[in-house]
Amino acid sequence: MKESIFHRLYDSYHQDVFQFLIYMVKNRTVAEDLSHEVYVRVLKSYERFQGRSSEKTWLFAIAKNVAIDYFRKNAVRSSHAFDAFNWETDQLVSPTKSPEILTELNDDMRDLLDALEKCTGDQKMVIIMRYFQELSIAETAQVLSWTEGKVKTTQHRAIHRLREILTNTTEQKEANQ
């Protein structure tokens, strides 16, 4: 029984979870490892799933936590200090700057993903969930355990920040030509 539930969840949502993770970490191998970790956690905790949210938002909440854990571990490793990592305000900067996924993208998309690296962690997650994974405001709020108002505010600030970064990038490119 548990195995059939796992396979159904995996078949239904694996691609979405994997895409979310690859946009977060920008590395296919790391995203595969983190995706595996998501499903290990699913197996361990499915009996505690109470159905207060959809299975999809529950999976994204697990994926979000796995990604945050990954960034926390990297922050600790890179600083060799146990400073507190605040994913809401700190930038979630991927360790690799030009993964193979970026070579397949057009310049505008590459610029957008680079700009996302300069946003806060909460802004980056909201943009990925809302625009890349096409979750609704309500679903995004469930995944993040936020109010819909906080999602809307964060989304608004993220879009404003992205516009600012992309405008500066465009101006710099034009000045260099």
C-alpha atoms as a PDB file:
ATOM      1  CA  MET A   1       0.000   0.000   0.000  1.00  0.00           C
ATOM      2  CA  LYS A   2       2.669   2.509   1.058  1.00  0.00           C
ATOM      3  CA  GLU A   3       4.697   1.588  -2.036  1.00  0.00           C
ATOM      4  CA  SER A   4       1.785   2.285  -4.401  1.00  0.00           C
ATOM      5  CA  ILE A   5       1.189   5.707  -2.768  1.00  0.00           C
ATOM      6  CA  PHE A   6       4.883   6.501  -3.121  1.00  0.00           C
ATOM      7  CA  HIS A   7       4.901   5.530  -6.815  1.00  0.00           C
ATOM      8  CA  ARG A   8       1.783   7.594  -7.488  1.00  0.00           C
ATOM      9  CA  LEU A   9       3.286  10.654  -5.797  1.00  0.00           C
ATOM     10  CA  TYR A  10       6.586  10.145  -7.582  1.00  0.00           C
ATOM     11  CA  ASP A  11       4.958   9.679 -10.997  1.00  0.00           C
ATOM     12  CA  SER A  12       2.639  12.664 -10.507  1.00  0.00           C
ATOM     13  CA  TYR A  13       5.055  15.209  -9.071  1.00  0.00           C
ATOM     14  CA  HIS A  14       8.659  14.159  -9.608  1.00  0.00           C
ATOM     15  CA  GLN A  15       9.199  16.444 -12.608  1.00  0.00           C
ATOM     16  CA  ASP A  16       7.742  19.484 -10.800  1.00  0.00           C
ATOM     17  CA  VAL A  17       9.784  18.833  -7.658  1.00  0.00           C
ATOM     18  CA  PHE A  18      12.947  18.259  -9.687  1.00  0.00           C
ATOM     19  CA  GLN A  19      12.423  21.474 -11.699  1.00  0.00           C
ATOM     20  CA  PHE A  20      11.831  23.454  -8.509  1.00  0.00           C
ATOM     21  CA  LEU A  21      15.069  22.107  -7.034  1.00  0.00           C
ATOM     22  CA  ILE A  22      17.103  22.691 -10.192  1.00  0.00           C
ATOM     23  CA  TYR A  23      15.957  26.325 -10.321  1.00  0.00           C
ATOM     24  CA  MET A  24      16.906  26.682  -6.658  1.00  0.00           C
ATOM     25  CA  VAL A  25      20.366  25.079  -6.779  1.00  0.00           C
ATOM     26  CA  LYS A  26      21.186  25.417 -10.508  1.00  0.00           C
ATOM     27  CA  ASN A  27      22.994  22.084 -10.598  1.00  0.00           C
ATOM     28  CA  ARG A  28      21.475  18.942 -12.100  1.00  0.00           C
ATOM     29  CA  THR A  29      23.431  16.472  -9.948  1.00  0.00           C
ATOM     30  CA  VAL A  30      22.672  18.317  -6.705  1.00  0.00           C
ATOM     31  CA  ALA A  31      19.004  18.652  -7.712  1.00  0.00           C
ATOM     32  CA  GLU A  32      18.846  14.886  -8.337  1.00  0.00           C
ATOM     33  CA  ASP A  33      20.362  14.210  -4.910  1.00  0.00           C
ATOM     34  CA  LEU A  34      17.991  16.650  -3.223  1.00  0.00           C
ATOM     35  CA  SER A  35      15.034  15.179  -5.109  1.00  0.00           C
ATOM     36  CA  HIS A  36      16.021  11.770  -3.780  1.00  0.00           C
ATOM     37  CA  GLU A  37      16.129  13.260  -0.263  1.00  0.00           C
ATOM     38  CA  VAL A  38      12.605  14.673  -0.752  1.00  0.00           C
ATOM     39  CA  TYR A  39      11.249  11.200  -1.498  1.00  0.00           C
ATOM     40  CA  VAL A  40      13.165   9.641   1.396  1.00  0.00           C
ATOM     41  CA  ARG A  41      11.400  12.164   3.665  1.00  0.00           C
ATOM     42  CA  VAL A  42       8.075  11.406   1.961  1.00  0.00           C
ATOM     43  CA  LEU A  43       8.473   7.695   2.705  1.00  0.00           C
ATOM     44  CA  LYS A  44       9.375   8.406   6.319  1.00  0.00           C
ATOM     45  CA  SER A  45       6.540  10.830   6.961  1.00  0.00           C
ATOM     46  CA  TYR A  46       3.586   9.941   4.714  1.00  0.00           C
ATOM     47  CA  GLU A  47       1.650   8.334   7.573  1.00  0.00           C
ATOM     48  CA  ARG A  48       1.757  11.736   9.317  1.00  0.00           C
ATOM     49  CA  PHE A  49       0.329  13.549   6.262  1.00  0.00           C
ATOM     50  CA  GLN A  50      -3.090  14.717   7.416  1.00  0.00           C
ATOM     51  CA  GLY A  51      -4.484  16.085   4.168  1.00  0.00           C
ATOM     52  CA  ARG A  52      -4.771  19.686   5.394  1.00  0.00           C
ATOM     53  CA  SER A  53      -3.104  20.705   2.144  1.00  0.00           C
ATOM     54  CA  SER A  54      -2.884  18.992  -1.223  1.00  0.00           C
ATOM     55  CA  GLU A  55      -0.209  16.346  -1.709  1.00  0.00           C
ATOM     56  CA  LYS A  56       1.417  18.681  -4.232  1.00  0.00           C
ATOM     57  CA  THR A  57       1.821  21.539  -1.750  1.00  0.00           C
ATOM     58  CA  TRP A  58       2.972  19.063   0.910  1.00  0.00           C
ATOM     59  CA  LEU A  59       5.685  17.788  -1.469  1.00  0.00           C
ATOM     60  CA  PHE A  60       6.772  21.333  -2.313  1.00  0.00           C
ATOM     61  CA  ALA A  61       6.991  22.146   1.401  1.00  0.00           C
ATOM     62  CA  ILE A  62       9.308  19.156   1.837  1.00  0.00           C
ATOM     63  CA  ALA A  63      11.325  20.202  -1.238  1.00  0.00           C
ATOM     64  CA  LYS A  64      11.581  23.750   0.147  1.00  0.00           C
ATOM     65  CA  ASN A  65      12.915  22.398   3.458  1.00  0.00           C
ATOM     66  CA  VAL A  66      15.394  20.119   1.687  1.00  0.00           C
ATOM     67  CA  ALA A  67      16.654  23.100  -0.372  1.00  0.00           C
ATOM     68  CA  ILE A  68      16.957  25.296   2.724  1.00  0.00           C
ATOM     69  CA  ASP A  69      18.897  22.525   4.511  1.00  0.00           C
ATOM     70  CA  TYR A  70      21.225  22.292   1.504  1.00  0.00           C
ATOM     71  CA  PHE A  71      21.890  26.057   1.531  1.00  0.00           C
ATOM     72  CA  ARG A  72      22.394  26.057   5.300  1.00  0.00           C
ATOM     73  CA  LYS A  73      24.943  23.245   5.070  1.00  0.00           C
ATOM     74  CA  ASN A  74      26.793  25.065   2.289  1.00  0.00           C
ATOM     75  CA  ALA A  75      26.759  28.338   4.226  1.00  0.00           C
ATOM     76  CA  VAL A  76      28.244  26.612   7.263  1.00  0.00           C
ATOM     77  CA  ARG A  77      30.825  24.769   5.173  1.00  0.00           C
ATOM     78  CA  SER A  78      31.883  27.853   3.242  1.00  0.00           C
ATOM     79  CA  SER A  79      32.176  30.109   6.289  1.00  0.00           C
ATOM     80  CA  HIS A  80      33.518  27.414   8.624  1.00  0.00           C
ATOM     81  CA  ALA A  81      31.389  29.102  11.240  1.00  0.00           C
ATOM     82  CA  PHE A  82      28.079  28.247  12.774  1.00  0.00           C
ATOM     83  CA  ASP A  83      26.516  31.641  12.221  1.00  0.00           C
ATOM     84  CA  ALA A  84      22.758  31.556  11.938  1.00  0.00           C
ATOM     85  CA  PHE A  85      21.566  31.285   8.343  1.00  0.00           C
ATOM     86  CA  ASN A  86      18.304  33.115   7.778  1.00  0.00           C
ATOM     87  CA  TRP A  87      16.788  31.816   4.534  1.00  0.00           C
ATOM     88  CA  GLU A  88      14.151  34.548   4.500  1.00  0.00           C
ATOM     89  CA  THR A  89      16.634  37.405   4.305  1.00  0.00           C
ATOM     90  CA  ASP A  90      19.897  35.832   3.176  1.00  0.00           C
ATOM     91  CA  GLN A  91      20.506  35.221  -0.498  1.00  0.00           C
ATOM     92  CA  LEU A  92      20.283  31.591  -1.596  1.00  0.00           C
ATOM     93  CA  VAL A  93      23.281  31.673  -3.895  1.00  0.00           C
ATOM     94  CA  SER A  94      23.958  28.489  -5.780  1.00  0.00           C
ATOM     95  CA  PRO A  95      27.552  27.285  -5.523  1.00  0.00           C
ATOM     96  CA  THR A  96      27.844  26.826  -9.296  1.00  0.00           C
ATOM     97  CA  LYS A  97      27.623  29.868 -11.489  1.00  0.00           C
ATOM     98  CA  SER A  98      27.105  28.343 -14.939  1.00  0.00           C
ATOM     99  CA  PRO A  99      25.549  24.895 -14.770  1.00  0.00           C
ATOM    100  CA  GLU A 100      24.668  22.976 -17.903  1.00  0.00           C
ATOM    101  CA  ILE A 101      21.004  23.944 -17.559  1.00  0.00           C
ATOM    102  CA  LEU A 102      21.862  27.590 -18.265  1.00  0.00           C
ATOM    103  CA  THR A 103      23.518  26.795 -21.591  1.00  0.00           C
ATOM    104  CA  GLU A 104      20.138  25.652 -22.929  1.00  0.00           C
ATOM    105  CA  LEU A 105      18.378  28.917 -22.029  1.00  0.00           C
ATOM    106  CA  ASN A 106      18.020  32.137 -23.969  1.00  0.00           C
ATOM    107  CA  ASP A 107      19.776  35.293 -22.785  1.00  0.00           C
ATOM    108  CA  ASP A 108      16.675  36.810 -21.162  1.00  0.00           C
ATOM    109  CA  MET A 109      16.004  33.680 -19.108  1.00  0.00           C
ATOM    110  CA  ARG A 110      19.673  33.440 -18.138  1.00  0.00           C
ATOM    111  CA  ASP A 111      19.600  37.091 -17.016  1.00  0.00           C
ATOM    112  CA  LEU A 112      16.425  36.432 -15.001  1.00  0.00           C
ATOM    113  CA  LEU A 113      17.964  33.423 -13.232  1.00  0.00           C
ATOM    114  CA  ASP A 114      21.126  35.417 -12.497  1.00  0.00           C
ATOM    115  CA  ALA A 115      18.976  38.249 -11.112  1.00  0.00           C
ATOM    116  CA  LEU A 116      17.097  35.766  -8.891  1.00  0.00           C
ATOM    117  CA  GLU A 117      20.437  34.934  -7.258  1.00  0.00           C
ATOM    118  CA  LYS A 118      20.534  38.554  -6.014  1.00  0.00           C
ATOM    119  CA  CYS A 119      17.096  38.361  -4.379  1.00  0.00           C
ATOM    120  CA  THR A 120      16.470  37.184  -0.834  1.00  0.00           C
ATOM    121  CA  GLY A 121      15.688  33.530  -0.237  1.00  0.00           C
ATOM    122  CA  ASP A 122      11.995  34.140   0.316  1.00  0.00           C
ATOM    123  CA  GLN A 123      11.750  36.244  -2.855  1.00  0.00           C
ATOM    124  CA  LYS A 124      13.533  33.592  -4.900  1.00  0.00           C
ATOM    125  CA  MET A 125      11.250  30.814  -3.649  1.00  0.00           C
ATOM    126  CA  VAL A 126       8.078  32.802  -4.257  1.00  0.00           C
ATOM    127  CA  ILE A 127       9.089  33.659  -7.831  1.00  0.00           C
ATOM    128  CA  ILE A 128      10.051  30.049  -8.604  1.00  0.00           C
ATOM    129  CA  MET A 129       6.855  28.658  -7.090  1.00  0.00           C
ATOM    130  CA  ARG A 130       4.534  31.252  -8.642  1.00  0.00           C
ATOM    131  CA  TYR A 131       6.033  31.689 -12.109  1.00  0.00           C
ATOM    132  CA  PHE A 132       8.192  28.647 -12.821  1.00  0.00           C
ATOM    133  CA  GLN A 133       6.044  26.011 -11.083  1.00  0.00           C
ATOM    134  CA  GLU A 134       2.777  27.933 -11.586  1.00  0.00           C
ATOM    135  CA  LEU A 135       1.504  27.435  -8.047  1.00  0.00           C
ATOM    136  CA  SER A 136      -1.354  29.684  -7.025  1.00  0.00           C
ATOM    137  CA  ILE A 137      -0.968  32.279  -4.287  1.00  0.00           C
ATOM    138  CA  ALA A 138      -2.929  29.975  -1.952  1.00  0.00           C
ATOM    139  CA  GLU A 139      -0.729  26.957  -2.786  1.00  0.00           C
ATOM    140  CA  THR A 140       2.452  29.003  -2.355  1.00  0.00           C
ATOM    141  CA  ALA A 141       1.178  30.235   1.016  1.00  0.00           C
ATOM    142  CA  GLN A 142       0.512  26.619   2.080  1.00  0.00           C
ATOM    143  CA  VAL A 143       3.978  25.450   1.002  1.00  0.00           C
ATOM    144  CA  LEU A 144       5.696  28.273   2.865  1.00  0.00           C
ATOM    145  CA  SER A 145       3.298  28.277   5.852  1.00  0.00           C
ATOM    146  CA  TRP A 146       2.590  31.950   5.197  1.00  0.00           C
ATOM    147  CA  THR A 147      -0.524  34.036   4.770  1.00  0.00           C
ATOM    148  CA  GLU A 148      -1.618  34.833   1.232  1.00  0.00           C
ATOM    149  CA  GLY A 149      -0.912  38.489   2.035  1.00  0.00           C
ATOM    150  CA  LYS A 150       2.726  37.723   2.816  1.00  0.00           C
ATOM    151  CA  VAL A 151       3.066  35.808  -0.469  1.00  0.00           C
ATOM    152  CA  LYS A 152       1.582  38.762  -2.401  1.00  0.00           C
ATOM    153  CA  THR A 153       3.845  41.266  -0.631  1.00  0.00           C
ATOM    154  CA  THR A 154       6.946  39.132  -1.146  1.00  0.00           C
ATOM    155  CA  GLN A 155       6.023  38.570  -4.790  1.00  0.00           C
ATOM    156  CA  HIS A 156       5.535  42.313  -5.317  1.00  0.00           C
ATOM    157  CA  ARG A 157       8.890  43.128  -3.700  1.00  0.00           C
ATOM    158  CA  ALA A 158      10.628  40.373  -5.678  1.00  0.00           C
ATOM    159  CA  ILE A 159       9.233  41.634  -8.984  1.00  0.00           C
ATOM    160  CA  HIS A 160      10.294  45.181  -8.081  1.00  0.00           C
ATOM    161  CA  ARG A 161      13.803  43.944  -7.169  1.00  0.00           C
ATOM    162  CA  LEU A 162      14.077  41.862 -10.355  1.00  0.00           C
ATOM    163  CA  ARG A 163      13.011  44.853 -12.490  1.00  0.00           C
ATOM    164  CA  GLU A 164      15.666  46.972 -10.799  1.00  0.00           C
ATOM    165  CA  ILE A 165      18.403  44.358 -11.318  1.00  0.00           C
ATOM    166  CA  LEU A 166      17.416  43.602 -14.926  1.00  0.00           C
ATOM    167  CA  THR A 167      17.207  47.323 -15.810  1.00  0.00           C
ATOM    168  CA  ASN A 168      20.733  47.824 -14.448  1.00  0.00           C
ATOM    169  CA  THR A 169      21.955  44.737 -16.330  1.00  0.00           C
ATOM    170  CA  THR A 170      20.451  46.025 -19.586  1.00  0.00           C
ATOM    171  CA  GLU A 171      21.946  49.480 -19.063  1.00  0.00           C
ATOM    172  CA  GLN A 172      25.372  47.968 -18.371  1.00  0.00           C
ATOM    173  CA  LYS A 173      25.189  45.807 -21.513  1.00  0.00           C
ATOM    174  CA  GLU A 174      24.208  48.815 -23.634  1.00  0.00           C
ATOM    175  CA  ALA A 175      27.019  50.920 -22.145  1.00  0.00           C
ATOM    176  CA  ASN A 176      29.548  48.187 -22.957  1.00  0.00           C
ATOM    177  CA  GLN A 177      28.523  48.034 -26.628  1.00  0.00           C
END
